[in-house]
Amino acid sequence: STYYPGSVKDRFTISMDDAKNTVYLQMNS
């Protein structure tokens, strides 16, 4: 489940790789 505040919604995307204990943040625009 993900959550974004309005200031970044539709521009930022968070994803997680459980196996690697890694989280990513893709930031566009």
PDB file of all heavy atoms in Angstrom:
ATOM      1  N   SER A   1       0.842  -1.194   0.000  1.00  0.00           N
ATOM      2  CA  SER A   1       0.000   0.000   0.000  1.00  0.00           C
ATOM      3  C   SER A   1       0.875   1.242   0.000  1.00  0.00           C
ATOM      4  O   SER A   1       1.873   1.308   0.718  1.00  0.00           O
ATOM      5  CB  SER A   1      -0.904   0.004   1.230  1.00  0.00           C
ATOM      6  OG  SER A   1      -1.795  -1.084   1.194  1.00  0.00           O
ATOM      7  N   THR A   2       0.483   2.213  -0.800  1.00  0.00           N
ATOM      8  CA  THR A   2       1.290   3.423  -0.930  1.00  0.00           C
ATOM      9  C   THR A   2       0.487   4.666  -0.575  1.00  0.00           C
ATOM     10  O   THR A   2      -0.748   4.677  -0.627  1.00  0.00           O
ATOM     11  CB  THR A   2       1.838   3.580  -2.357  1.00  0.00           C
ATOM     12  OG1 THR A   2       0.740   3.622  -3.273  1.00  0.00           O
ATOM     13  CG2 THR A   2       2.749   2.422  -2.723  1.00  0.00           C
ATOM     14  N   TYR A   3       1.222   5.712  -0.220  1.00  0.00           N
ATOM     15  CA  TYR A   3       0.604   7.003   0.072  1.00  0.00           C
ATOM     16  C   TYR A   3       1.524   8.104  -0.410  1.00  0.00           C
ATOM     17  O   TYR A   3       2.755   8.028  -0.240  1.00  0.00           O
ATOM     18  CB  TYR A   3       0.349   7.170   1.569  1.00  0.00           C
ATOM     19  CG  TYR A   3      -0.022   8.593   1.925  1.00  0.00           C
ATOM     20  CD1 TYR A   3      -1.312   9.069   1.714  1.00  0.00           C
ATOM     21  CD2 TYR A   3       0.933   9.483   2.417  1.00  0.00           C
ATOM     22  CE1 TYR A   3      -1.641  10.379   1.993  1.00  0.00           C
ATOM     23  CE2 TYR A   3       0.616  10.794   2.698  1.00  0.00           C
ATOM     24  CZ  TYR A   3      -0.681  11.239   2.485  1.00  0.00           C
ATOM     25  OH  TYR A   3      -1.000  12.543   2.756  1.00  0.00           O
ATOM     26  N   TYR A   4       0.929   9.145  -0.988  1.00  0.00           N
ATOM     27  CA  TYR A   4       1.671  10.325  -1.426  1.00  0.00           C
ATOM     28  C   TYR A   4       0.892  11.578  -1.033  1.00  0.00           C
ATOM     29  O   TYR A   4      -0.335  11.619  -1.188  1.00  0.00           O
ATOM     30  CB  TYR A   4       1.843  10.336  -2.948  1.00  0.00           C
ATOM     31  CG  TYR A   4       2.422   9.093  -3.547  1.00  0.00           C
ATOM     32  CD1 TYR A   4       1.603   8.066  -3.997  1.00  0.00           C
ATOM     33  CD2 TYR A   4       3.799   8.939  -3.669  1.00  0.00           C
ATOM     34  CE1 TYR A   4       2.121   6.915  -4.550  1.00  0.00           C
ATOM     35  CE2 TYR A   4       4.334   7.784  -4.233  1.00  0.00           C
ATOM     36  CZ  TYR A   4       3.490   6.784  -4.663  1.00  0.00           C
ATOM     37  OH  TYR A   4       4.020   5.639  -5.214  1.00  0.00           O
ATOM     38  N   PRO A   5       1.555  12.602  -0.596  1.00  0.00           N
ATOM     39  CA  PRO A   5       0.857  13.869  -0.381  1.00  0.00           C
ATOM     40  C   PRO A   5       0.558  14.509  -1.728  1.00  0.00           C
ATOM     41  O   PRO A   5       1.159  14.157  -2.746  1.00  0.00           O
ATOM     42  CB  PRO A   5       1.868  14.697   0.415  1.00  0.00           C
ATOM     43  CG  PRO A   5       3.194  14.153  -0.003  1.00  0.00           C
ATOM     44  CD  PRO A   5       2.969  12.692  -0.231  1.00  0.00           C
ATOM     45  N   GLY A   6      -0.329  15.458  -1.725  1.00  0.00           N
ATOM     46  CA  GLY A   6      -0.764  16.089  -2.973  1.00  0.00           C
ATOM     47  C   GLY A   6       0.349  16.770  -3.741  1.00  0.00           C
ATOM     48  O   GLY A   6       0.304  16.857  -4.971  1.00  0.00           O
ATOM     49  N   SER A   7       1.378  17.241  -3.035  1.00  0.00           N
ATOM     50  CA  SER A   7       2.448  17.991  -3.687  1.00  0.00           C
ATOM     51  C   SER A   7       3.273  17.141  -4.655  1.00  0.00           C
ATOM     52  O   SER A   7       3.922  17.673  -5.559  1.00  0.00           O
ATOM     53  CB  SER A   7       3.370  18.603  -2.632  1.00  0.00           C
ATOM     54  OG  SER A   7       3.908  17.596  -1.806  1.00  0.00           O
ATOM     55  N   VAL A   8       3.273  15.811  -4.467  1.00  0.00           N
ATOM     56  CA  VAL A   8       4.097  14.952  -5.325  1.00  0.00           C
ATOM     57  C   VAL A   8       3.291  13.872  -6.023  1.00  0.00           C
ATOM     58  O   VAL A   8       3.822  13.139  -6.861  1.00  0.00           O
ATOM     59  CB  VAL A   8       5.246  14.290  -4.528  1.00  0.00           C
ATOM     60  CG1 VAL A   8       6.072  15.328  -3.797  1.00  0.00           C
ATOM     61  CG2 VAL A   8       4.719  13.244  -3.564  1.00  0.00           C
ATOM     62  N   LYS A   9       2.023  13.754  -5.675  1.00  0.00           N
ATOM     63  CA  LYS A   9       1.188  12.705  -6.275  1.00  0.00           C
ATOM     64  C   LYS A   9       1.178  12.848  -7.784  1.00  0.00           C
ATOM     65  O   LYS A   9       1.103  13.957  -8.311  1.00  0.00           O
ATOM     66  CB  LYS A   9      -0.224  12.788  -5.710  1.00  0.00           C
ATOM     67  CG  LYS A   9      -1.066  11.566  -5.981  1.00  0.00           C
ATOM     68  CD  LYS A   9      -2.390  11.649  -5.259  1.00  0.00           C
ATOM     69  CE  LYS A   9      -3.204  10.390  -5.492  1.00  0.00           C
ATOM     70  NZ  LYS A   9      -4.518  10.445  -4.799  1.00  0.00           N
ATOM     71  N   ASP A  10       1.257  11.740  -8.471  1.00  0.00           N
ATOM     72  CA  ASP A  10       1.293  11.649  -9.939  1.00  0.00           C
ATOM     73  C   ASP A  10       2.653  12.025 -10.520  1.00  0.00           C
ATOM     74  O   ASP A  10       2.840  11.941 -11.743  1.00  0.00           O
ATOM     75  CB  ASP A  10       0.214  12.523 -10.590  1.00  0.00           C
ATOM     76  CG  ASP A  10      -1.183  12.099 -10.208  1.00  0.00           C
ATOM     77  OD1 ASP A  10      -1.395  10.883  -9.992  1.00  0.00           O
ATOM     78  OD2 ASP A  10      -2.058  12.966 -10.114  1.00  0.00           O
ATOM     79  N   ARG A  11       3.598  12.436  -9.673  1.00  0.00           N
ATOM     80  CA  ARG A  11       4.953  12.705 -10.147  1.00  0.00           C
ATOM     81  C   ARG A  11       5.974  11.742  -9.530  1.00  0.00           C
ATOM     82  O   ARG A  11       6.957  11.387 -10.163  1.00  0.00           O
ATOM     83  CB  ARG A  11       5.375  14.146  -9.805  1.00  0.00           C
ATOM     84  CG  ARG A  11       4.518  15.208 -10.457  1.00  0.00           C
ATOM     85  CD  ARG A  11       5.142  16.589 -10.288  1.00  0.00           C
ATOM     86  NE  ARG A  11       5.267  16.980  -8.894  1.00  0.00           N
ATOM     87  CZ  ARG A  11       6.429  17.303  -8.319  1.00  0.00           C
ATOM     88  NH1 ARG A  11       7.562  17.276  -9.016  1.00  0.00           N
ATOM     89  NH2 ARG A  11       6.458  17.660  -7.040  1.00  0.00           N
ATOM     90  N   PHE A  12       5.753  11.344  -8.288  1.00  0.00           N
ATOM     91  CA  PHE A  12       6.672  10.453  -7.582  1.00  0.00           C
ATOM     92  C   PHE A  12       6.043   9.061  -7.465  1.00  0.00           C
ATOM     93  O   PHE A  12       4.828   8.937  -7.271  1.00  0.00           O
ATOM     94  CB  PHE A  12       6.969  10.967  -6.176  1.00  0.00           C
ATOM     95  CG  PHE A  12       7.818  12.209  -6.114  1.00  0.00           C
ATOM     96  CD1 PHE A  12       8.122  12.950  -7.244  1.00  0.00           C
ATOM     97  CD2 PHE A  12       8.317  12.641  -4.895  1.00  0.00           C
ATOM     98  CE1 PHE A  12       8.906  14.081  -7.180  1.00  0.00           C
ATOM     99  CE2 PHE A  12       9.106  13.776  -4.803  1.00  0.00           C
ATOM    100  CZ  PHE A  12       9.388  14.501  -5.947  1.00  0.00           C
ATOM    101  N   THR A  13       6.876   8.041  -7.535  1.00  0.00           N
ATOM    102  CA  THR A  13       6.416   6.669  -7.365  1.00  0.00           C
ATOM    103  C   THR A  13       7.377   5.929  -6.454  1.00  0.00           C
ATOM    104  O   THR A  13       8.592   5.894  -6.718  1.00  0.00           O
ATOM    105  CB  THR A  13       6.330   5.932  -8.713  1.00  0.00           C
ATOM    106  OG1 THR A  13       5.449   6.637  -9.587  1.00  0.00           O
ATOM    107  CG2 THR A  13       5.801   4.513  -8.508  1.00  0.00           C
ATOM    108  N   ILE A  14       6.833   5.332  -5.403  1.00  0.00           N
ATOM    109  CA  ILE A  14       7.635   4.548  -4.473  1.00  0.00           C
ATOM    110  C   ILE A  14       7.407   3.068  -4.745  1.00  0.00           C
ATOM    111  O   ILE A  14       6.294   2.646  -5.067  1.00  0.00           O
ATOM    112  CB  ILE A  14       7.290   4.898  -3.008  1.00  0.00           C
ATOM    113  CG1 ILE A  14       8.283   4.249  -2.040  1.00  0.00           C
ATOM    114  CG2 ILE A  14       5.853   4.514  -2.665  1.00  0.00           C
ATOM    115  CD1 ILE A  14       8.137   4.748  -0.596  1.00  0.00           C
ATOM    116  N   SER A  15       8.487   2.301  -4.649  1.00  0.00           N
ATOM    117  CA  SER A  15       8.375   0.852  -4.824  1.00  0.00           C
ATOM    118  C   SER A  15       9.372   0.183  -3.889  1.00  0.00           C
ATOM    119  O   SER A  15      10.342   0.807  -3.453  1.00  0.00           O
ATOM    120  CB  SER A  15       8.639   0.451  -6.270  1.00  0.00           C
ATOM    121  OG  SER A  15       9.928   0.864  -6.684  1.00  0.00           O
ATOM    122  N   MET A  16       9.112  -1.069  -3.576  1.00  0.00           N
ATOM    123  CA  MET A  16       9.953  -1.779  -2.610  1.00  0.00           C
ATOM    124  C   MET A  16      10.293  -3.169  -3.119  1.00  0.00           C
ATOM    125  O   MET A  16       9.433  -3.862  -3.666  1.00  0.00           O
ATOM    126  CB  MET A  16       9.244  -1.862  -1.250  1.00  0.00           C
ATOM    127  CG  MET A  16      10.089  -2.448  -0.136  1.00  0.00           C
ATOM    128  SD  MET A  16       9.435  -2.085   1.517  1.00  0.00           S
ATOM    129  CE  MET A  16       7.884  -2.937   1.489  1.00  0.00           C
ATOM    130  N   ASP A  17      11.534  -3.552  -2.934  1.00  0.00           N
ATOM    131  CA  ASP A  17      11.995  -4.907  -3.234  1.00  0.00           C
ATOM    132  C   ASP A  17      12.227  -5.589  -1.896  1.00  0.00           C
ATOM    133  O   ASP A  17      13.247  -5.366  -1.247  1.00  0.00           O
ATOM    134  CB  ASP A  17      13.280  -4.845  -4.060  1.00  0.00           C
ATOM    135  CG  ASP A  17      13.754  -6.217  -4.507  1.00  0.00           C
ATOM    136  OD1 ASP A  17      13.481  -7.221  -3.789  1.00  0.00           O
ATOM    137  OD2 ASP A  17      14.424  -6.298  -5.537  1.00  0.00           O
ATOM    138  N   ASP A  18      11.277  -6.431  -1.483  1.00  0.00           N
ATOM    139  CA  ASP A  18      11.362  -7.070  -0.175  1.00  0.00           C
ATOM    140  C   ASP A  18      12.626  -7.898  -0.021  1.00  0.00           C
ATOM    141  O   ASP A  18      13.262  -7.893   1.034  1.00  0.00           O
ATOM    142  CB  ASP A  18      10.146  -7.976   0.050  1.00  0.00           C
ATOM    143  CG  ASP A  18       8.866  -7.184   0.168  1.00  0.00           C
ATOM    144  OD1 ASP A  18       8.952  -5.970   0.372  1.00  0.00           O
ATOM    145  OD2 ASP A  18       7.789  -7.796   0.051  1.00  0.00           O
ATOM    146  N   ALA A  19      12.947  -8.622  -1.062  1.00  0.00           N
ATOM    147  CA  ALA A  19      14.079  -9.542  -0.973  1.00  0.00           C
ATOM    148  C   ALA A  19      15.395  -8.808  -0.731  1.00  0.00           C
ATOM    149  O   ALA A  19      16.321  -9.349  -0.128  1.00  0.00           O
ATOM    150  CB  ALA A  19      14.161 -10.374  -2.241  1.00  0.00           C
ATOM    151  N   LYS A  20      15.461  -7.582  -1.207  1.00  0.00           N
ATOM    152  CA  LYS A  20      16.701  -6.819  -1.091  1.00  0.00           C
ATOM    153  C   LYS A  20      16.625  -5.759   0.001  1.00  0.00           C
ATOM    154  O   LYS A  20      17.571  -4.991   0.171  1.00  0.00           O
ATOM    155  CB  LYS A  20      17.026  -6.150  -2.429  1.00  0.00           C
ATOM    156  CG  LYS A  20      17.278  -7.131  -3.564  1.00  0.00           C
ATOM    157  CD  LYS A  20      17.606  -6.390  -4.858  1.00  0.00           C
ATOM    158  CE  LYS A  20      17.854  -7.353  -6.003  1.00  0.00           C
ATOM    159  NZ  LYS A  20      18.163  -6.650  -7.272  1.00  0.00           N
ATOM    160  N   ASN A  21      15.501  -5.714   0.749  1.00  0.00           N
ATOM    161  CA  ASN A  21      15.317  -4.654   1.757  1.00  0.00           C
ATOM    162  C   ASN A  21      15.616  -3.284   1.162  1.00  0.00           C
ATOM    163  O   ASN A  21      16.305  -2.454   1.779  1.00  0.00           O
ATOM    164  CB  ASN A  21      16.205  -4.907   2.973  1.00  0.00           C
ATOM    165  CG  ASN A  21      15.653  -6.002   3.858  1.00  0.00           C
ATOM    166  OD1 ASN A  21      14.549  -6.489   3.653  1.00  0.00           O
ATOM    167  ND2 ASN A  21      16.424  -6.410   4.833  1.00  0.00           N
ATOM    168  N   THR A  22      15.105  -3.069  -0.019  1.00  0.00           N
ATOM    169  CA  THR A  22      15.402  -1.848  -0.756  1.00  0.00           C
ATOM    170  C   THR A  22      14.120  -1.134  -1.154  1.00  0.00           C
ATOM    171  O   THR A  22      13.137  -1.787  -1.524  1.00  0.00           O
ATOM    172  CB  THR A  22      16.212  -2.172  -2.025  1.00  0.00           C
ATOM    173  OG1 THR A  22      17.435  -2.813  -1.640  1.00  0.00           O
ATOM    174  CG2 THR A  22      16.534  -0.916  -2.814  1.00  0.00           C
ATOM    175  N   VAL A  23      14.148   0.177  -1.051  1.00  0.00           N
ATOM    176  CA  VAL A  23      13.029   0.985  -1.507  1.00  0.00           C
ATOM    177  C   VAL A  23      13.547   1.995  -2.514  1.00  0.00           C
ATOM    178  O   VAL A  23      14.673   2.483  -2.394  1.00  0.00           O
ATOM    179  CB  VAL A  23      12.322   1.683  -0.323  1.00  0.00           C
ATOM    180  CG1 VAL A  23      13.213   2.711   0.343  1.00  0.00           C
ATOM    181  CG2 VAL A  23      11.013   2.301  -0.760  1.00  0.00           C
ATOM    182  N   TYR A  24      12.715   2.272  -3.511  1.00  0.00           N
ATOM    183  CA  TYR A  24      13.084   3.205  -4.561  1.00  0.00           C
ATOM    184  C   TYR A  24      12.091   4.369  -4.592  1.00  0.00           C
ATOM    185  O   TYR A  24      10.925   4.212  -4.206  1.00  0.00           O
ATOM    186  CB  TYR A  24      13.073   2.514  -5.927  1.00  0.00           C
ATOM    187  CG  TYR A  24      13.934   1.286  -5.992  1.00  0.00           C
ATOM    188  CD1 TYR A  24      13.383   0.027  -5.803  1.00  0.00           C
ATOM    189  CD2 TYR A  24      15.297   1.384  -6.241  1.00  0.00           C
ATOM    190  CE1 TYR A  24      14.164  -1.117  -5.865  1.00  0.00           C
ATOM    191  CE2 TYR A  24      16.090   0.247  -6.310  1.00  0.00           C
ATOM    192  CZ  TYR A  24      15.523  -0.996  -6.122  1.00  0.00           C
ATOM    193  OH  TYR A  24      16.301  -2.123  -6.168  1.00  0.00           O
ATOM    194  N   LEU A  25      12.550   5.502  -5.073  1.00  0.00           N
ATOM    195  CA  LEU A  25      11.669   6.640  -5.296  1.00  0.00           C
ATOM    196  C   LEU A  25      11.956   7.178  -6.694  1.00  0.00           C
ATOM    197  O   LEU A  25      13.016   7.763  -6.926  1.00  0.00           O
ATOM    198  CB  LEU A  25      11.876   7.739  -4.252  1.00  0.00           C
ATOM    199  CG  LEU A  25      10.909   8.921  -4.375  1.00  0.00           C
ATOM    200  CD1 LEU A  25       9.480   8.472  -4.054  1.00  0.00           C
ATOM    201  CD2 LEU A  25      11.320  10.069  -3.449  1.00  0.00           C
ATOM    202  N   GLN A  26      11.027   6.941  -7.599  1.00  0.00           N
ATOM    203  CA  GLN A  26      11.138   7.484  -8.947  1.00  0.00           C
ATOM    204  C   GLN A  26      10.480   8.856  -8.955  1.00  0.00           C
ATOM    205  O   GLN A  26       9.300   8.981  -8.626  1.00  0.00           O
ATOM    206  CB  GLN A  26      10.443   6.564  -9.960  1.00  0.00           C
ATOM    207  CG  GLN A  26      10.462   7.088 -11.383  1.00  0.00           C
ATOM    208  CD  GLN A  26      11.853   7.123 -11.975  1.00  0.00           C
ATOM    209  OE1 GLN A  26      12.634   6.190 -11.800  1.00  0.00           O
ATOM    210  NE2 GLN A  26      12.183   8.211 -12.680  1.00  0.00           N
ATOM    211  N   MET A  27      11.261   9.867  -9.297  1.00  0.00           N
ATOM    212  CA  MET A  27      10.767  11.242  -9.283  1.00  0.00           C
ATOM    213  C   MET A  27      10.787  11.793 -10.694  1.00  0.00           C
ATOM    214  O   MET A  27      11.852  11.862 -11.323  1.00  0.00           O
ATOM    215  CB  MET A  27      11.633  12.112  -8.360  1.00  0.00           C
ATOM    216  CG  MET A  27      11.750  11.586  -6.943  1.00  0.00           C
ATOM    217  SD  MET A  27      12.646  12.683  -5.839  1.00  0.00           S
ATOM    218  CE  MET A  27      14.291  12.580  -6.544  1.00  0.00           C
ATOM    219  N   ASN A  28       9.623  12.141 -11.198  1.00  0.00           N
ATOM    220  CA  ASN A  28       9.484  12.690 -12.554  1.00  0.00           C
ATOM    221  C   ASN A  28       8.959  14.125 -12.490  1.00  0.00           C
ATOM    222  O   ASN A  28       8.435  14.560 -11.466  1.00  0.00           O
ATOM    223  CB  ASN A  28       8.533  11.828 -13.371  1.00  0.00           C
ATOM    224  CG  ASN A  28       9.016  10.409 -13.538  1.00  0.00           C
ATOM    225  OD1 ASN A  28      10.216  10.141 -13.606  1.00  0.00           O
ATOM    226  ND2 ASN A  28       8.084   9.469 -13.598  1.00  0.00           N
ATOM    227  N   SER A  29       9.095  14.818 -13.587  1.00  0.00           N
ATOM    228  CA  SER A  29       8.591  16.204 -13.687  1.00  0.00           C
ATOM    229  C   SER A  29       9.055  17.035 -12.500  1.00  0.00           C
ATOM    230  O   SER A  29       8.259  17.749 -11.867  1.00  0.00           O
ATOM    231  CB  SER A  29       7.063  16.195 -13.769  1.00  0.00           C
ATOM    232  OG  SER A  29       6.620  15.438 -14.881  1.00  0.00           O
TER     233      SER A  29
END
